[in-house]
Amino acid sequence: MKLEQAVNSLPPAARIEVVDFIAFLKQKYRRGKSPLVKEDTAYWSALGEKSIKRIWDNEEDDVYNELLKR
């Protein structure tokens, strides 16, 4: 099945979603831009950092680090 046939076989509301998604993809890839832009990288880095802090920043590690200094 070709793309046009697939889209035409959808109900009207779904066709509108397809058009919206195509507009989204055009914006995402405009001017040869990579799909993973700097802003995305910063977001995911911050999110990962938040998760890691729960594991690494804890009282038990602080006590252990003090023992290593002795």
PDB file of N, CA and C in Angstrom:
ATOM      1  N   MET A   1       0.857  -1.181   0.000  1.00  0.00           N
ATOM      2  CA  MET A   1       0.000   0.000   0.000  1.00  0.00           C
ATOM      3  C   MET A   1       0.897   1.235   0.000  1.00  0.00           C
ATOM      4  N   LYS A   2       0.588   2.176  -0.850  1.00  0.00           N
ATOM      5  CA  LYS A   2       1.352   3.419  -0.928  1.00  0.00           C
ATOM      6  C   LYS A   2       0.906   4.369   0.178  1.00  0.00           C
ATOM      7  N   LEU A   3       1.761   5.312   0.466  1.00  0.00           N
ATOM      8  CA  LEU A   3       1.483   6.276   1.529  1.00  0.00           C
ATOM      9  C   LEU A   3       0.173   7.012   1.288  1.00  0.00           C
ATOM     10  N   GLU A   4      -0.024   7.488   0.074  1.00  0.00           N
ATOM     11  CA  GLU A   4      -1.250   8.232  -0.240  1.00  0.00           C
ATOM     12  C   GLU A   4      -2.490   7.363  -0.022  1.00  0.00           C
ATOM     13  N   GLN A   5      -2.420   6.116  -0.422  1.00  0.00           N
ATOM     14  CA  GLN A   5      -3.552   5.205  -0.227  1.00  0.00           C
ATOM     15  C   GLN A   5      -3.801   4.970   1.259  1.00  0.00           C
ATOM     16  N   ALA A   6      -2.713   4.820   2.010  1.00  0.00           N
ATOM     17  CA  ALA A   6      -2.845   4.590   3.450  1.00  0.00           C
ATOM     18  C   ALA A   6      -3.509   5.780   4.130  1.00  0.00           C
ATOM     19  N   VAL A   7      -3.077   6.981   3.770  1.00  0.00           N
ATOM     20  CA  VAL A   7      -3.656   8.191   4.363  1.00  0.00           C
ATOM     21  C   VAL A   7      -5.118   8.327   3.961  1.00  0.00           C
ATOM     22  N   ASN A   8      -5.412   8.103   2.695  1.00  0.00           N
ATOM     23  CA  ASN A   8      -6.793   8.228   2.217  1.00  0.00           C
ATOM     24  C   ASN A   8      -7.726   7.193   2.828  1.00  0.00           C
ATOM     25  N   SER A   9      -7.185   6.093   3.302  1.00  0.00           N
ATOM     26  CA  SER A   9      -8.034   5.067   3.910  1.00  0.00           C
ATOM     27  C   SER A   9      -8.404   5.397   5.358  1.00  0.00           C
ATOM     28  N   LEU A  10      -7.779   6.433   5.910  1.00  0.00           N
ATOM     29  CA  LEU A  10      -8.052   6.832   7.295  1.00  0.00           C
ATOM     30  C   LEU A  10      -9.299   7.701   7.377  1.00  0.00           C
ATOM     31  N   PRO A  11      -9.923   7.724   8.554  1.00  0.00           N
ATOM     32  CA  PRO A  11     -11.042   8.656   8.751  1.00  0.00           C
ATOM     33  C   PRO A  11     -10.524  10.096   8.725  1.00  0.00           C
ATOM     34  N   PRO A  12     -11.389  11.066   8.426  1.00  0.00           N
ATOM     35  CA  PRO A  12     -10.962  12.470   8.309  1.00  0.00           C
ATOM     36  C   PRO A  12     -10.168  12.995   9.508  1.00  0.00           C
ATOM     37  N   ALA A  13     -10.570  12.646  10.713  1.00  0.00           N
ATOM     38  CA  ALA A  13      -9.856  13.144  11.901  1.00  0.00           C
ATOM     39  C   ALA A  13      -8.419  12.620  11.929  1.00  0.00           C
ATOM     40  N   ALA A  14      -8.230  11.382  11.523  1.00  0.00           N
ATOM     41  CA  ALA A  14      -6.887  10.801  11.503  1.00  0.00           C
ATOM     42  C   ALA A  14      -6.033  11.436  10.407  1.00  0.00           C
ATOM     43  N   ARG A  15      -6.653  11.810   9.296  1.00  0.00           N
ATOM     44  CA  ARG A  15      -5.915  12.484   8.218  1.00  0.00           C
ATOM     45  C   ARG A  15      -5.355  13.812   8.709  1.00  0.00           C
ATOM     46  N   ILE A  16      -6.139  14.510   9.514  1.00  0.00           N
ATOM     47  CA  ILE A  16      -5.679  15.786  10.082  1.00  0.00           C
ATOM     48  C   ILE A  16      -4.456  15.543  10.965  1.00  0.00           C
ATOM     49  N   GLU A  17      -4.482  14.457  11.736  1.00  0.00           N
ATOM     50  CA  GLU A  17      -3.334  14.120  12.578  1.00  0.00           C
ATOM     51  C   GLU A  17      -2.099  13.844  11.734  1.00  0.00           C
ATOM     52  N   VAL A  18      -2.283  13.174  10.602  1.00  0.00           N
ATOM     53  CA  VAL A  18      -1.162  12.893   9.703  1.00  0.00           C
ATOM     54  C   VAL A  18      -0.555  14.201   9.200  1.00  0.00           C
ATOM     55  N   VAL A  19      -1.392  15.132   8.788  1.00  0.00           N
ATOM     56  CA  VAL A  19      -0.908  16.429   8.304  1.00  0.00           C
ATOM     57  C   VAL A  19      -0.164  17.165   9.419  1.00  0.00           C
ATOM     58  N   ASP A  20      -0.697  17.128  10.629  1.00  0.00           N
ATOM     59  CA  ASP A  20      -0.028  17.765  11.766  1.00  0.00           C
ATOM     60  C   ASP A  20       1.335  17.123  12.028  1.00  0.00           C
ATOM     61  N   PHE A  21       1.387  15.804  11.934  1.00  0.00           N
ATOM     62  CA  PHE A  21       2.642  15.104  12.181  1.00  0.00           C
ATOM     63  C   PHE A  21       3.678  15.438  11.109  1.00  0.00           C
ATOM     64  N   ILE A  22       3.234  15.547   9.872  1.00  0.00           N
ATOM     65  CA  ILE A  22       4.147  15.931   8.792  1.00  0.00           C
ATOM     66  C   ILE A  22       4.703  17.331   9.046  1.00  0.00           C
ATOM     67  N   ALA A  23       3.864  18.251   9.493  1.00  0.00           N
ATOM     68  CA  ALA A  23       4.327  19.605   9.821  1.00  0.00           C
ATOM     69  C   ALA A  23       5.362  19.556  10.947  1.00  0.00           C
ATOM     70  N   PHE A  24       5.115  18.713  11.937  1.00  0.00           N
ATOM     71  CA  PHE A  24       6.058  18.538  13.041  1.00  0.00           C
ATOM     72  C   PHE A  24       7.406  18.032  12.522  1.00  0.00           C
ATOM     73  N   LEU A  25       7.374  17.016  11.661  1.00  0.00           N
ATOM     74  CA  LEU A  25       8.615  16.464  11.120  1.00  0.00           C
ATOM     75  C   LEU A  25       9.367  17.482  10.272  1.00  0.00           C
ATOM     76  N   LYS A  26       8.643  18.275   9.492  1.00  0.00           N
ATOM     77  CA  LYS A  26       9.292  19.310   8.683  1.00  0.00           C
ATOM     78  C   LYS A  26      10.036  20.301   9.573  1.00  0.00           C
ATOM     79  N   GLN A  27       9.394  20.700  10.643  1.00  0.00           N
ATOM     80  CA  GLN A  27      10.026  21.647  11.564  1.00  0.00           C
ATOM     81  C   GLN A  27      11.236  21.001  12.233  1.00  0.00           C
ATOM     82  N   LYS A  28      11.107  19.758  12.613  1.00  0.00           N
ATOM     83  CA  LYS A  28      12.176  19.049  13.309  1.00  0.00           C
ATOM     84  C   LYS A  28      13.424  18.909  12.440  1.00  0.00           C
ATOM     85  N   TYR A  29      13.231  18.667  11.159  1.00  0.00           N
ATOM     86  CA  TYR A  29      14.350  18.417  10.261  1.00  0.00           C
ATOM     87  C   TYR A  29      14.687  19.599   9.345  1.00  0.00           C
ATOM     88  N   ARG A  30      14.116  20.750   9.592  1.00  0.00           N
ATOM     89  CA  ARG A  30      14.359  21.891   8.706  1.00  0.00           C
ATOM     90  C   ARG A  30      15.827  22.314   8.753  1.00  0.00           C
ATOM     91  N   ARG A  31      16.279  22.855   7.655  1.00  0.00           N
ATOM     92  CA  ARG A  31      17.656  23.359   7.498  1.00  0.00           C
ATOM     93  C   ARG A  31      18.699  22.310   7.868  1.00  0.00           C
ATOM     94  N   GLY A  32      18.425  21.052   7.567  1.00  0.00           N
ATOM     95  CA  GLY A  32      19.415  20.006   7.814  1.00  0.00           C
ATOM     96  C   GLY A  32      19.696  19.764   9.279  1.00  0.00           C
ATOM     97  N   LYS A  33      18.808  20.236  10.120  1.00  0.00           N
ATOM     98  CA  LYS A  33      18.990  20.109  11.559  1.00  0.00           C
ATOM     99  C   LYS A  33      18.870  18.643  11.975  1.00  0.00           C
ATOM    100  N   SER A  34      19.743  18.217  12.836  1.00  0.00           N
ATOM    101  CA  SER A  34      19.680  16.858  13.370  1.00  0.00           C
ATOM    102  C   SER A  34      18.446  16.735  14.250  1.00  0.00           C
ATOM    103  N   PRO A  35      17.831  15.558  14.301  1.00  0.00           N
ATOM    104  CA  PRO A  35      16.658  15.410  15.167  1.00  0.00           C
ATOM    105  C   PRO A  35      16.984  15.582  16.649  1.00  0.00           C
ATOM    106  N   LEU A  36      18.233  15.330  17.030  1.00  0.00           N
ATOM    107  CA  LEU A  36      18.634  15.531  18.412  1.00  0.00           C
ATOM    108  C   LEU A  36      19.368  16.859  18.484  1.00  0.00           C
ATOM    109  N   VAL A  37      18.674  17.885  18.906  1.00  0.00           N
ATOM    110  CA  VAL A  37      19.266  19.220  18.970  1.00  0.00           C
ATOM    111  C   VAL A  37      19.840  19.463  20.353  1.00  0.00           C
ATOM    112  N   LYS A  38      20.611  20.525  20.465  1.00  0.00           N
ATOM    113  CA  LYS A  38      21.285  20.841  21.724  1.00  0.00           C
ATOM    114  C   LYS A  38      20.296  20.921  22.885  1.00  0.00           C
ATOM    115  N   GLU A  39      19.144  21.514  22.636  1.00  0.00           N
ATOM    116  CA  GLU A  39      18.155  21.655  23.701  1.00  0.00           C
ATOM    117  C   GLU A  39      17.698  20.280  24.196  1.00  0.00           C
ATOM    118  N   ASP A  40      17.548  19.331  23.282  1.00  0.00           N
ATOM    119  CA  ASP A  40      17.163  17.979  23.676  1.00  0.00           C
ATOM    120  C   ASP A  40      18.240  17.352  24.549  1.00  0.00           C
ATOM    121  N   THR A  41      19.498  17.537  24.149  1.00  0.00           N
ATOM    122  CA  THR A  41      20.612  16.973  24.903  1.00  0.00           C
ATOM    123  C   THR A  41      20.653  17.557  26.310  1.00  0.00           C
ATOM    124  N   ALA A  42      20.474  18.855  26.419  1.00  0.00           N
ATOM    125  CA  ALA A  42      20.488  19.505  27.731  1.00  0.00           C
ATOM    126  C   ALA A  42      19.353  18.985  28.605  1.00  0.00           C
ATOM    127  N   TYR A  43      18.190  18.802  28.018  1.00  0.00           N
ATOM    128  CA  TYR A  43      17.043  18.304  28.770  1.00  0.00           C
ATOM    129  C   TYR A  43      17.324  16.910  29.324  1.00  0.00           C
ATOM    130  N   TRP A  44      17.783  16.007  28.447  1.00  0.00           N
ATOM    131  CA  TRP A  44      18.013  14.626  28.879  1.00  0.00           C
ATOM    132  C   TRP A  44      19.173  14.536  29.858  1.00  0.00           C
ATOM    133  N   SER A  45      20.185  15.383  29.695  1.00  0.00           N
ATOM    134  CA  SER A  45      21.300  15.396  30.639  1.00  0.00           C
ATOM    135  C   SER A  45      20.823  15.828  32.018  1.00  0.00           C
ATOM    136  N   ALA A  46      20.020  16.873  32.051  1.00  0.00           N
ATOM    137  CA  ALA A  46      19.489  17.360  33.329  1.00  0.00           C
ATOM    138  C   ALA A  46      18.595  16.314  33.976  1.00  0.00           C
ATOM    139  N   LEU A  47      17.797  15.638  33.177  1.00  0.00           N
ATOM    140  CA  LEU A  47      16.916  14.605  33.704  1.00  0.00           C
ATOM    141  C   LEU A  47      17.725  13.445  34.279  1.00  0.00           C
ATOM    142  N   GLY A  48      18.756  13.033  33.565  1.00  0.00           N
ATOM    143  CA  GLY A  48      19.609  11.945  34.040  1.00  0.00           C
ATOM    144  C   GLY A  48      20.359  12.336  35.299  1.00  0.00           C
ATOM    145  N   GLU A  49      20.828  13.577  35.330  1.00  0.00           N
ATOM    146  CA  GLU A  49      21.553  14.071  36.495  1.00  0.00           C
ATOM    147  C   GLU A  49      20.663  14.044  37.733  1.00  0.00           C
ATOM    148  N   LYS A  50      19.420  14.411  37.564  1.00  0.00           N
ATOM    149  CA  LYS A  50      18.468  14.404  38.676  1.00  0.00           C
ATOM    150  C   LYS A  50      18.300  12.983  39.223  1.00  0.00           C
ATOM    151  N   SER A  51      18.221  12.015  38.343  1.00  0.00           N
ATOM    152  CA  SER A  51      18.064  10.625  38.766  1.00  0.00           C
ATOM    153  C   SER A  51      19.312  10.117  39.477  1.00  0.00           C
ATOM    154  N   ILE A  52      20.464  10.457  38.945  1.00  0.00           N
ATOM    155  CA  ILE A  52      21.729   9.996  39.518  1.00  0.00           C
ATOM    156  C   ILE A  52      21.962  10.606  40.893  1.00  0.00           C
ATOM    157  N   LYS A  53      21.558  11.864  41.070  1.00  0.00           N
ATOM    158  CA  LYS A  53      21.771  12.526  42.362  1.00  0.00           C
ATOM    159  C   LYS A  53      21.089  11.770  43.494  1.00  0.00           C
ATOM    160  N   ARG A  54      19.944  11.164  43.195  1.00  0.00           N
ATOM    161  CA  ARG A  54      19.249  10.393  44.231  1.00  0.00           C
ATOM    162  C   ARG A  54      20.106   9.225  44.706  1.00  0.00           C
ATOM    163  N   ILE A  55      20.915   8.699  43.812  1.00  0.00           N
ATOM    164  CA  ILE A  55      21.751   7.552  44.157  1.00  0.00           C
ATOM    165  C   ILE A  55      23.073   8.005  44.761  1.00  0.00           C
ATOM    166  N   TRP A  56      23.712   8.991  44.146  1.00  0.00           N
ATOM    167  CA  TRP A  56      25.051   9.385  44.563  1.00  0.00           C
ATOM    168  C   TRP A  56      25.076  10.347  45.737  1.00  0.00           C
ATOM    169  N   ASP A  57      24.136  11.221  45.845  1.00  0.00           N
ATOM    170  CA  ASP A  57      24.124  12.185  46.940  1.00  0.00           C
ATOM    171  C   ASP A  57      23.319  11.621  48.099  1.00  0.00           C
ATOM    172  N   ASN A  58      24.002  10.881  48.960  1.00  0.00           N
ATOM    173  CA  ASN A  58      23.306  10.332  50.121  1.00  0.00           C
ATOM    174  C   ASN A  58      24.260  10.323  51.313  1.00  0.00           C
ATOM    175  N   GLU A  59      23.695  10.225  52.468  1.00  0.00           N
ATOM    176  CA  GLU A  59      24.460  10.315  53.710  1.00  0.00           C
ATOM    177  C   GLU A  59      25.468   9.180  53.850  1.00  0.00           C
ATOM    178  N   GLU A  60      25.105   7.976  53.429  1.00  0.00           N
ATOM    179  CA  GLU A  60      26.018   6.841  53.561  1.00  0.00           C
ATOM    180  C   GLU A  60      27.303   7.066  52.776  1.00  0.00           C
ATOM    181  N   ASP A  61      27.190   7.614  51.579  1.00  0.00           N
ATOM    182  CA  ASP A  61      28.388   7.888  50.788  1.00  0.00           C
ATOM    183  C   ASP A  61      29.232   8.975  51.436  1.00  0.00           C
ATOM    184  N   ASP A  62      28.596   9.958  52.037  1.00  0.00           N
ATOM    185  CA  ASP A  62      29.339  11.015  52.715  1.00  0.00           C
ATOM    186  C   ASP A  62      30.158  10.435  53.868  1.00  0.00           C
ATOM    187  N   VAL A  63      29.571   9.532  54.633  1.00  0.00           N
ATOM    188  CA  VAL A  63      30.275   8.887  55.748  1.00  0.00           C
ATOM    189  C   VAL A  63      31.439   8.071  55.207  1.00  0.00           C
ATOM    190  N   TYR A  64      31.226   7.319  54.159  1.00  0.00           N
ATOM    191  CA  TYR A  64      32.283   6.507  53.550  1.00  0.00           C
ATOM    192  C   TYR A  64      33.419   7.388  53.033  1.00  0.00           C
ATOM    193  N   ASN A  65      33.082   8.492  52.413  1.00  0.00           N
ATOM    194  CA  ASN A  65      34.111   9.406  51.913  1.00  0.00           C
ATOM    195  C   ASN A  65      34.951   9.979  53.047  1.00  0.00           C
ATOM    196  N   GLU A  66      34.334  10.247  54.182  1.00  0.00           N
ATOM    197  CA  GLU A  66      35.078  10.750  55.337  1.00  0.00           C
ATOM    198  C   GLU A  66      36.049   9.685  55.847  1.00  0.00           C
ATOM    199  N   LEU A  67      35.646   8.415  55.836  1.00  0.00           N
ATOM    200  CA  LEU A  67      36.538   7.335  56.264  1.00  0.00           C
ATOM    201  C   LEU A  67      37.745   7.220  55.334  1.00  0.00           C
ATOM    202  N   LEU A  68      37.535   7.430  54.055  1.00  0.00           N
ATOM    203  CA  LEU A  68      38.635   7.340  53.096  1.00  0.00           C
ATOM    204  C   LEU A  68      39.667   8.448  53.299  1.00  0.00           C
ATOM    205  N   LYS A  69      39.241   9.575  53.835  1.00  0.00           N
ATOM    206  CA  LYS A  69      40.156  10.701  54.053  1.00  0.00           C
ATOM    207  C   LYS A  69      41.099  10.438  55.218  1.00  0.00           C
ATOM    208  N   ARG A  70      40.745   9.519  56.102  1.00  0.00           N
ATOM    209  CA  ARG A  70      41.557   9.265  57.310  1.00  0.00           C
ATOM    210  C   ARG A  70      42.754   8.419  57.020  1.00  0.00           C
TER     211      ARG A  70
END
